[in-house]
Full PDB file with SEQRES, HELIX, SHEET, SSBOND, CRYST1, ORIGX, SCALE, CONECT and MASTER records, all heavy atoms in Angstrom:
SEQRES   1 A   30  TYR THR HIS ASP GLU LEU LYS ALA LEU THR ASP VAL LEU          
SEQRES   2 A   30  LEU ARG HIS PRO HIS VAL TRP ILE MET THR ASP ASP MET          
SEQRES   3 A   30  TYR GLU HIS LEU                                              
HELIX    1 AA1 HIS A    3  LEU A   14  1                                  12    
CRYST1    1.000    1.000    1.000  90.00  90.00  90.00 P 1           1          
ORIGX1      1.000000  0.000000  0.000000        0.00000                         
ORIGX2      0.000000  1.000000  0.000000        0.00000                         
ORIGX3      0.000000  0.000000  1.000000        0.00000                         
SCALE1      1.000000  0.000000  0.000000        0.00000                         
SCALE2      0.000000  1.000000  0.000000        0.00000                         
SCALE3      0.000000  0.000000  1.000000        0.00000                         
ATOM      1  N   TYR A   1      98.486  69.505 147.432  1.00  0.00           N  
ATOM      2  CA  TYR A   1      98.049  70.233 148.625  1.00  0.00           C  
ATOM      3  C   TYR A   1      97.767  71.690 148.266  1.00  0.00           C  
ATOM      4  O   TYR A   1      98.606  72.367 147.673  1.00  0.00           O  
ATOM      5  CB  TYR A   1      99.126  70.193 149.703  1.00  0.00           C  
ATOM      6  CG  TYR A   1      99.319  68.856 150.380  1.00  0.00           C  
ATOM      7  CD1 TYR A   1      99.894  67.787 149.700  1.00  0.00           C  
ATOM      8  CD2 TYR A   1      98.932  68.664 151.708  1.00  0.00           C  
ATOM      9  CE1 TYR A   1     100.082  66.560 150.323  1.00  0.00           C  
ATOM     10  CE2 TYR A   1      99.120  67.445 152.340  1.00  0.00           C  
ATOM     11  CZ  TYR A   1      99.690  66.391 151.642  1.00  0.00           C  
ATOM     12  OH  TYR A   1      99.878  65.176 152.266  1.00  0.00           O  
ATOM     13  N   THR A   2      96.586  72.176 148.639  1.00  0.00           N  
ATOM     14  CA  THR A   2      96.271  73.588 148.453  1.00  0.00           C  
ATOM     15  C   THR A   2      97.106  74.422 149.422  1.00  0.00           C  
ATOM     16  O   THR A   2      97.732  73.898 150.357  1.00  0.00           O  
ATOM     17  CB  THR A   2      94.792  73.865 148.735  1.00  0.00           C  
ATOM     18  OG1 THR A   2      94.527  73.609 150.129  1.00  0.00           O  
ATOM     19  CG2 THR A   2      93.897  72.989 147.875  1.00  0.00           C  
ATOM     20  N   HIS A   3      97.116  75.722 149.195  1.00  0.00           N  
ATOM     21  CA  HIS A   3      97.844  76.634 150.088  1.00  0.00           C  
ATOM     22  C   HIS A   3      97.382  76.461 151.530  1.00  0.00           C  
ATOM     23  O   HIS A   3      98.201  76.381 152.458  1.00  0.00           O  
ATOM     24  CB  HIS A   3      97.631  78.082 149.623  1.00  0.00           C  
ATOM     25  CG  HIS A   3      98.425  79.102 150.387  1.00  0.00           C  
ATOM     26  ND1 HIS A   3      98.065  79.509 151.657  1.00  0.00           N  
ATOM     27  CD2 HIS A   3      99.567  79.770 150.078  1.00  0.00           C  
ATOM     28  CE1 HIS A   3      98.939  80.418 152.087  1.00  0.00           C  
ATOM     29  NE2 HIS A   3      99.853  80.578 151.146  1.00  0.00           N  
ATOM     30  N   ASP A   4      96.071  76.378 151.742  1.00  0.00           N  
ATOM     31  CA  ASP A   4      95.539  76.256 153.111  1.00  0.00           C  
ATOM     32  C   ASP A   4      95.903  74.912 153.730  1.00  0.00           C  
ATOM     33  O   ASP A   4      96.206  74.832 154.929  1.00  0.00           O  
ATOM     34  CB  ASP A   4      94.024  76.445 153.112  1.00  0.00           C  
ATOM     35  CG  ASP A   4      93.612  77.886 152.839  1.00  0.00           C  
ATOM     36  OD1 ASP A   4      94.491  78.777 152.920  1.00  0.00           O  
ATOM     37  OD2 ASP A   4      92.431  78.122 152.531  1.00  0.00           O  
ATOM     38  N   GLU A   5      95.847  73.845 152.939  1.00  0.00           N  
ATOM     39  CA  GLU A   5      96.222  72.522 153.466  1.00  0.00           C  
ATOM     40  C   GLU A   5      97.694  72.488 153.845  1.00  0.00           C  
ATOM     41  O   GLU A   5      98.076  71.904 154.868  1.00  0.00           O  
ATOM     42  CB  GLU A   5      95.917  71.445 152.421  1.00  0.00           C  
ATOM     43  CG  GLU A   5      94.431  71.193 152.217  1.00  0.00           C  
ATOM     44  CD  GLU A   5      94.124  70.354 150.987  1.00  0.00           C  
ATOM     45  OE1 GLU A   5      94.963  70.304 150.058  1.00  0.00           O  
ATOM     46  OE2 GLU A   5      93.029  69.750 150.936  1.00  0.00           O  
ATOM     47  N   LEU A   6      98.505  73.136 153.033  1.00  0.00           N  
ATOM     48  CA  LEU A   6      99.935  73.194 153.334  1.00  0.00           C  
ATOM     49  C   LEU A   6     100.210  74.089 154.536  1.00  0.00           C  
ATOM     50  O   LEU A   6     101.064  73.771 155.371  1.00  0.00           O  
ATOM     51  CB  LEU A   6     100.688  73.697 152.097  1.00  0.00           C  
ATOM     52  CG  LEU A   6     102.209  73.695 152.126  1.00  0.00           C  
ATOM     53  CD1 LEU A   6     102.768  72.394 152.679  1.00  0.00           C  
ATOM     54  CD2 LEU A   6     102.758  73.947 150.737  1.00  0.00           C  
ATOM     55  N   LYS A   7      99.484  75.178 154.666  1.00  0.00           N  
ATOM     56  CA  LYS A   7      99.653  76.075 155.808  1.00  0.00           C  
ATOM     57  C   LYS A   7      99.352  75.354 157.120  1.00  0.00           C  
ATOM     58  O   LYS A   7     100.030  75.574 158.152  1.00  0.00           O  
ATOM     59  CB  LYS A   7      98.738  77.294 155.676  1.00  0.00           C  
ATOM     60  CG  LYS A   7      98.934  78.349 156.774  1.00  0.00           C  
ATOM     61  CD  LYS A   7     100.323  78.964 156.711  1.00  0.00           C  
ATOM     62  CE  LYS A   7     100.457  80.192 157.606  1.00  0.00           C  
ATOM     63  NZ  LYS A   7     100.375  79.881 159.041  1.00  0.00           N  
ATOM     64  N   ALA A   8      98.366  74.457 157.103  1.00  0.00           N  
ATOM     65  CA  ALA A   8      98.054  73.681 158.313  1.00  0.00           C  
ATOM     66  C   ALA A   8      99.248  72.811 158.716  1.00  0.00           C  
ATOM     67  O   ALA A   8      99.534  72.651 159.909  1.00  0.00           O  
ATOM     68  CB  ALA A   8      96.821  72.818 158.082  1.00  0.00           C  
ATOM     69  N   LEU A   9      99.961  72.260 157.719  1.00  0.00           N  
ATOM     70  CA  LEU A   9     101.147  71.448 158.024  1.00  0.00           C  
ATOM     71  C   LEU A   9     102.307  72.313 158.498  1.00  0.00           C  
ATOM     72  O   LEU A   9     103.021  71.953 159.450  1.00  0.00           O  
ATOM     73  CB  LEU A   9     101.567  70.651 156.789  1.00  0.00           C  
ATOM     74  CG  LEU A   9     100.568  69.633 156.241  1.00  0.00           C  
ATOM     75  CD1 LEU A   9     101.173  68.894 155.039  1.00  0.00           C  
ATOM     76  CD2 LEU A   9     100.136  68.633 157.302  1.00  0.00           C  
ATOM     77  N   THR A  10     102.522  73.450 157.862  1.00  0.00           N  
ATOM     78  CA  THR A  10     103.638  74.305 158.278  1.00  0.00           C  
ATOM     79  C   THR A  10     103.405  74.885 159.667  1.00  0.00           C  
ATOM     80  O   THR A  10     104.358  75.118 160.408  1.00  0.00           O  
ATOM     81  CB  THR A  10     103.888  75.439 157.260  1.00  0.00           C  
ATOM     82  OG1 THR A  10     102.714  76.233 157.115  1.00  0.00           O  
ATOM     83  CG2 THR A  10     104.289  74.872 155.913  1.00  0.00           C  
ATOM     84  N   ASP A  11     102.140  75.079 160.050  1.00  0.00           N  
ATOM     85  CA  ASP A  11     101.847  75.528 161.414  1.00  0.00           C  
ATOM     86  C   ASP A  11     102.316  74.498 162.438  1.00  0.00           C  
ATOM     87  O   ASP A  11     102.833  74.849 163.505  1.00  0.00           O  
ATOM     88  CB  ASP A  11     100.350  75.788 161.589  1.00  0.00           C  
ATOM     89  CG  ASP A  11      99.892  77.088 160.938  1.00  0.00           C  
ATOM     90  OD1 ASP A  11     100.757  77.897 160.547  1.00  0.00           O  
ATOM     91  OD2 ASP A  11      98.667  77.282 160.800  1.00  0.00           O  
ATOM     92  N   VAL A  12     102.141  73.213 162.099  1.00  0.00           N  
ATOM     93  CA  VAL A  12     102.639  72.142 162.976  1.00  0.00           C  
ATOM     94  C   VAL A  12     104.154  72.201 163.052  1.00  0.00           C  
ATOM     95  O   VAL A  12     104.754  72.127 164.136  1.00  0.00           O  
ATOM     96  CB  VAL A  12     102.179  70.761 162.467  1.00  0.00           C  
ATOM     97  CG1 VAL A  12     102.856  69.636 163.254  1.00  0.00           C  
ATOM     98  CG2 VAL A  12     100.664  70.637 162.545  1.00  0.00           C  
ATOM     99  N   LEU A  13     104.805  72.359 161.910  1.00  0.00           N  
ATOM    100  CA  LEU A  13     106.270  72.348 161.860  1.00  0.00           C  
ATOM    101  C   LEU A  13     106.869  73.535 162.600  1.00  0.00           C  
ATOM    102  O   LEU A  13     107.967  73.431 163.168  1.00  0.00           O  
ATOM    103  CB  LEU A  13     106.731  72.322 160.403  1.00  0.00           C  
ATOM    104  CG  LEU A  13     106.349  71.034 159.667  1.00  0.00           C  
ATOM    105  CD1 LEU A  13     106.456  71.221 158.160  1.00  0.00           C  
ATOM    106  CD2 LEU A  13     107.222  69.873 160.122  1.00  0.00           C  
ATOM    107  N   LEU A  14     106.169  74.646 162.640  1.00  0.00           N  
ATOM    108  CA  LEU A  14     106.642  75.803 163.414  1.00  0.00           C  
ATOM    109  C   LEU A  14     106.752  75.476 164.893  1.00  0.00           C  
ATOM    110  O   LEU A  14     107.597  76.036 165.603  1.00  0.00           O  
ATOM    111  CB  LEU A  14     105.697  76.995 163.209  1.00  0.00           C  
ATOM    112  CG  LEU A  14     105.798  77.742 161.876  1.00  0.00           C  
ATOM    113  CD1 LEU A  14     104.706  78.794 161.776  1.00  0.00           C  
ATOM    114  CD2 LEU A  14     107.168  78.394 161.727  1.00  0.00           C  
ATOM    115  N   ARG A  15     105.912  74.566 165.353  1.00  0.00           N  
ATOM    116  CA  ARG A  15     105.924  74.186 166.780  1.00  0.00           C  
ATOM    117  C   ARG A  15     107.032  73.187 167.106  1.00  0.00           C  
ATOM    118  O   ARG A  15     107.226  72.833 168.269  1.00  0.00           O  
ATOM    119  CB  ARG A  15     104.563  73.604 167.178  1.00  0.00           C  
ATOM    120  CG  ARG A  15     103.418  74.606 167.054  1.00  0.00           C  
ATOM    121  CD  ARG A  15     102.186  74.118 167.803  1.00  0.00           C  
ATOM    122  NE  ARG A  15     101.565  72.944 167.198  1.00  0.00           N  
ATOM    123  CZ  ARG A  15     100.629  73.001 166.263  1.00  0.00           C  
ATOM    124  NH1 ARG A  15     100.216  74.181 165.803  1.00  0.00           N  
ATOM    125  NH2 ARG A  15     100.091  71.891 165.776  1.00  0.00           N  
ATOM    126  N   HIS A  16     107.730  72.704 166.086  1.00  0.00           N  
ATOM    127  CA  HIS A  16     108.780  71.696 166.293  1.00  0.00           C  
ATOM    128  C   HIS A  16     110.068  72.161 165.604  1.00  0.00           C  
ATOM    129  O   HIS A  16     110.417  71.683 164.521  1.00  0.00           O  
ATOM    130  CB  HIS A  16     108.322  70.346 165.738  1.00  0.00           C  
ATOM    131  CG  HIS A  16     107.101  69.804 166.418  1.00  0.00           C  
ATOM    132  ND1 HIS A  16     107.146  69.136 167.619  1.00  0.00           N  
ATOM    133  CD2 HIS A  16     105.786  69.859 166.063  1.00  0.00           C  
ATOM    134  CE1 HIS A  16     105.922  68.777 167.971  1.00  0.00           C  
ATOM    135  NE2 HIS A  16     105.072  69.207 167.050  1.00  0.00           N  
ATOM    136  N   PRO A  17     110.800  73.060 166.235  1.00  0.00           N  
ATOM    137  CA  PRO A  17     111.966  73.672 165.575  1.00  0.00           C  
ATOM    138  C   PRO A  17     113.117  72.713 165.294  1.00  0.00           C  
ATOM    139  O   PRO A  17     114.040  73.067 164.564  1.00  0.00           O  
ATOM    140  CB  PRO A  17     112.385  74.765 166.559  1.00  0.00           C  
ATOM    141  CG  PRO A  17     111.788  74.380 167.867  1.00  0.00           C  
ATOM    142  CD  PRO A  17     110.521  73.660 167.549  1.00  0.00           C  
ATOM    143  N   HIS A  18     113.064  71.487 165.839  1.00  0.00           N  
ATOM    144  CA  HIS A  18     114.127  70.516 165.561  1.00  0.00           C  
ATOM    145  C   HIS A  18     113.875  69.743 164.262  1.00  0.00           C  
ATOM    146  O   HIS A  18     114.747  68.979 163.824  1.00  0.00           O  
ATOM    147  CB  HIS A  18     114.254  69.522 166.723  1.00  0.00           C  
ATOM    148  CG  HIS A  18     113.065  68.626 166.901  1.00  0.00           C  
ATOM    149  ND1 HIS A  18     111.832  69.080 167.322  1.00  0.00           N  
ATOM    150  CD2 HIS A  18     112.914  67.282 166.706  1.00  0.00           C  
ATOM    151  CE1 HIS A  18     110.992  68.062 167.386  1.00  0.00           C  
ATOM    152  NE2 HIS A  18     111.612  66.964 167.010  1.00  0.00           N  
ATOM    153  N   VAL A  19     112.710  69.933 163.644  1.00  0.00           N  
ATOM    154  CA  VAL A  19     112.355  69.184 162.433  1.00  0.00           C  
ATOM    155  C   VAL A  19     112.664  70.031 161.199  1.00  0.00           C  
ATOM    156  O   VAL A  19     112.216  71.172 161.077  1.00  0.00           O  
ATOM    157  CB  VAL A  19     110.866  68.792 162.435  1.00  0.00           C  
ATOM    158  CG1 VAL A  19     110.517  68.032 161.162  1.00  0.00           C  
ATOM    159  CG2 VAL A  19     110.537  67.948 163.670  1.00  0.00           C  
ATOM    160  N   TRP A  20     113.422  69.439 160.280  1.00  0.00           N  
ATOM    161  CA  TRP A  20     113.723  70.077 159.001  1.00  0.00           C  
ATOM    162  C   TRP A  20     112.754  69.549 157.943  1.00  0.00           C  
ATOM    163  O   TRP A  20     112.197  68.460 158.086  1.00  0.00           O  
ATOM    164  CB  TRP A  20     115.165  69.781 158.585  1.00  0.00           C  
ATOM    165  CG  TRP A  20     116.170  70.607 159.336  1.00  0.00           C  
ATOM    166  CD1 TRP A  20     116.317  70.699 160.697  1.00  0.00           C  
ATOM    167  CD2 TRP A  20     117.148  71.476 158.774  1.00  0.00           C  
ATOM    168  NE1 TRP A  20     117.330  71.551 161.010  1.00  0.00           N  
ATOM    169  CE2 TRP A  20     117.883  72.048 159.860  1.00  0.00           C  
ATOM    170  CE3 TRP A  20     117.518  71.806 157.474  1.00  0.00           C  
ATOM    171  CZ2 TRP A  20     118.922  72.941 159.675  1.00  0.00           C  
ATOM    172  CZ3 TRP A  20     118.562  72.701 157.279  1.00  0.00           C  
ATOM    173  CH2 TRP A  20     119.246  73.263 158.365  1.00  0.00           C  
ATOM    174  N   ILE A  21     112.582  70.338 156.874  1.00  0.00           N  
ATOM    175  CA  ILE A  21     111.619  70.005 155.829  1.00  0.00           C  
ATOM    176  C   ILE A  21     112.367  69.772 154.525  1.00  0.00           C  
ATOM    177  O   ILE A  21     113.150  70.619 154.090  1.00  0.00           O  
ATOM    178  CB  ILE A  21     110.575  71.128 155.646  1.00  0.00           C  
ATOM    179  CG1 ILE A  21     109.829  71.388 156.962  1.00  0.00           C  
ATOM    180  CG2 ILE A  21     109.583  70.761 154.535  1.00  0.00           C  
ATOM    181  CD1 ILE A  21     110.435  72.479 157.801  1.00  0.00           C  
ATOM    182  N   MET A  22     112.125  68.610 153.912  1.00  0.00           N  
ATOM    183  CA  MET A  22     112.687  68.286 152.611  1.00  0.00           C  
ATOM    184  C   MET A  22     111.520  68.180 151.635  1.00  0.00           C  
ATOM    185  O   MET A  22     110.681  67.294 151.756  1.00  0.00           O  
ATOM    186  CB  MET A  22     113.454  66.958 152.666  1.00  0.00           C  
ATOM    187  CG  MET A  22     114.125  66.566 151.367  1.00  0.00           C  
ATOM    188  SD  MET A  22     114.959  64.956 151.481  1.00  0.00           S  
ATOM    189  CE  MET A  22     116.185  65.284 152.741  1.00  0.00           C  
ATOM    190  N   THR A  23     111.456  69.104 150.671  1.00  0.00           N  
ATOM    191  CA  THR A  23     110.359  69.067 149.715  1.00  0.00           C  
ATOM    192  C   THR A  23     110.791  68.315 148.461  1.00  0.00           C  
ATOM    193  O   THR A  23     111.956  68.345 148.078  1.00  0.00           O  
ATOM    194  CB  THR A  23     109.911  70.476 149.304  1.00  0.00           C  
ATOM    195  OG1 THR A  23     110.793  70.993 148.303  1.00  0.00           O  
ATOM    196  CG2 THR A  23     109.871  71.413 150.495  1.00  0.00           C  
ATOM    197  N   ASP A  24     109.850  67.662 147.835  1.00  0.00           N  
ATOM    198  CA  ASP A  24     110.064  67.055 146.520  1.00  0.00           C  
ATOM    199  C   ASP A  24     109.033  67.691 145.602  1.00  0.00           C  
ATOM    200  O   ASP A  24     107.877  67.273 145.557  1.00  0.00           O  
ATOM    201  CB  ASP A  24     109.903  65.542 146.599  1.00  0.00           C  
ATOM    202  CG  ASP A  24     110.153  64.846 145.267  1.00  0.00           C  
ATOM    203  OD1 ASP A  24     110.221  65.544 144.226  1.00  0.00           O  
ATOM    204  OD2 ASP A  24     110.258  63.607 145.246  1.00  0.00           O  
ATOM    205  N   ASP A  25     109.470  68.715 144.872  1.00  0.00           N  
ATOM    206  CA  ASP A  25     108.571  69.519 144.039  1.00  0.00           C  
ATOM    207  C   ASP A  25     108.649  69.125 142.560  1.00  0.00           C  
ATOM    208  O   ASP A  25     108.346  69.933 141.677  1.00  0.00           O  
ATOM    209  CB  ASP A  25     108.930  71.009 144.171  1.00  0.00           C  
ATOM    210  CG  ASP A  25     108.759  71.544 145.580  1.00  0.00           C  
ATOM    211  OD1 ASP A  25     108.123  70.866 146.402  1.00  0.00           O  
ATOM    212  OD2 ASP A  25     109.267  72.643 145.865  1.00  0.00           O  
ATOM    213  N   MET A  26     109.045  67.881 142.296  1.00  0.00           N  
ATOM    214  CA  MET A  26     109.338  67.457 140.927  1.00  0.00           C  
ATOM    215  C   MET A  26     108.158  67.619 139.970  1.00  0.00           C  
ATOM    216  O   MET A  26     108.336  67.816 138.766  1.00  0.00           O  
ATOM    217  CB  MET A  26     109.815  66.003 140.934  1.00  0.00           C  
ATOM    218  CG  MET A  26     110.432  65.539 139.640  1.00  0.00           C  
ATOM    219  SD  MET A  26     111.945  66.411 139.168  1.00  0.00           S  
ATOM    220  CE  MET A  26     113.144  65.676 140.275  1.00  0.00           C  
ATOM    221  N   TYR A  27     106.925  67.556 140.497  1.00  0.00           N  
ATOM    222  CA  TYR A  27     105.745  67.640 139.624  1.00  0.00           C  
ATOM    223  C   TYR A  27     105.091  69.024 139.690  1.00  0.00           C  
ATOM    224  O   TYR A  27     103.915  69.176 139.342  1.00  0.00           O  
ATOM    225  CB  TYR A  27     104.742  66.551 140.013  1.00  0.00           C  
ATOM    226  CG  TYR A  27     105.298  65.157 139.818  1.00  0.00           C  
ATOM    227  CD1 TYR A  27     105.960  64.499 140.856  1.00  0.00           C  
ATOM    228  CD2 TYR A  27     105.205  64.506 138.594  1.00  0.00           C  
ATOM    229  CE1 TYR A  27     106.510  63.232 140.676  1.00  0.00           C  
ATOM    230  CE2 TYR A  27     105.745  63.243 138.404  1.00  0.00           C  
ATOM    231  CZ  TYR A  27     106.399  62.612 139.449  1.00  0.00           C  
ATOM    232  OH  TYR A  27     106.938  61.360 139.256  1.00  0.00           O  
ATOM    233  N   GLU A  28     105.846  70.010 140.094  1.00  0.00           N  
ATOM    234  CA  GLU A  28     105.340  71.373 140.280  1.00  0.00           C  
ATOM    235  C   GLU A  28     104.536  71.894 139.096  1.00  0.00           C  
ATOM    236  O   GLU A  28     103.471  72.495 139.267  1.00  0.00           O  
ATOM    237  CB  GLU A  28     106.527  72.313 140.540  1.00  0.00           C  
ATOM    238  CG  GLU A  28     106.191  73.784 140.476  1.00  0.00           C  
ATOM    239  CD  GLU A  28     107.417  74.678 140.603  1.00  0.00           C  
ATOM    240  OE1 GLU A  28     108.551  74.149 140.630  1.00  0.00           O  
ATOM    241  OE2 GLU A  28     107.229  75.904 140.676  1.00  0.00           O  
ATOM    242  N   HIS A  29     105.034  71.701 137.894  1.00  0.00           N  
ATOM    243  CA  HIS A  29     104.393  72.284 136.713  1.00  0.00           C  
ATOM    244  C   HIS A  29     103.296  71.398 136.128  1.00  0.00           C  
ATOM    245  O   HIS A  29     102.615  71.813 135.189  1.00  0.00           O  
ATOM    246  CB  HIS A  29     105.440  72.575 135.645  1.00  0.00           C  
ATOM    247  CG  HIS A  29     106.384  73.686 136.021  1.00  0.00           C  
ATOM    248  ND1 HIS A  29     105.969  74.970 136.277  1.00  0.00           N  
ATOM    249  CD2 HIS A  29     107.737  73.683 136.204  1.00  0.00           C  
ATOM    250  CE1 HIS A  29     107.010  75.725 136.591  1.00  0.00           C  
ATOM    251  NE2 HIS A  29     108.088  74.965 136.552  1.00  0.00           N  
ATOM    252  N   LEU A  30     103.143  70.196 136.669  1.00  0.00           N  
ATOM    253  CA  LEU A  30     102.118  69.274 136.162  1.00  0.00           C  
ATOM    254  C   LEU A  30     100.902  69.346 137.084  1.00  0.00           C  
ATOM    255  O   LEU A  30     100.641  68.461 137.895  1.00  0.00           O  
ATOM    256  CB  LEU A  30     102.669  67.854 136.084  1.00  0.00           C  
ATOM    257  CG  LEU A  30     103.912  67.690 135.198  1.00  0.00           C  
ATOM    258  CD1 LEU A  30     104.447  66.278 135.275  1.00  0.00           C  
ATOM    259  CD2 LEU A  30     103.596  68.052 133.755  1.00  0.00           C  
TER     260      LEU A  30                                                      
MASTER        0    0    0    1    0    0    0    6  259    1    0    3          
END                                                                             
């Protein structure tokens, strides 16, 4: 996900304060 694609998702999550986010960044460097 590009920064902008991810920002679109985080904008949704901001509207739902009861939802927590669990990231799996295992392939970050690949």
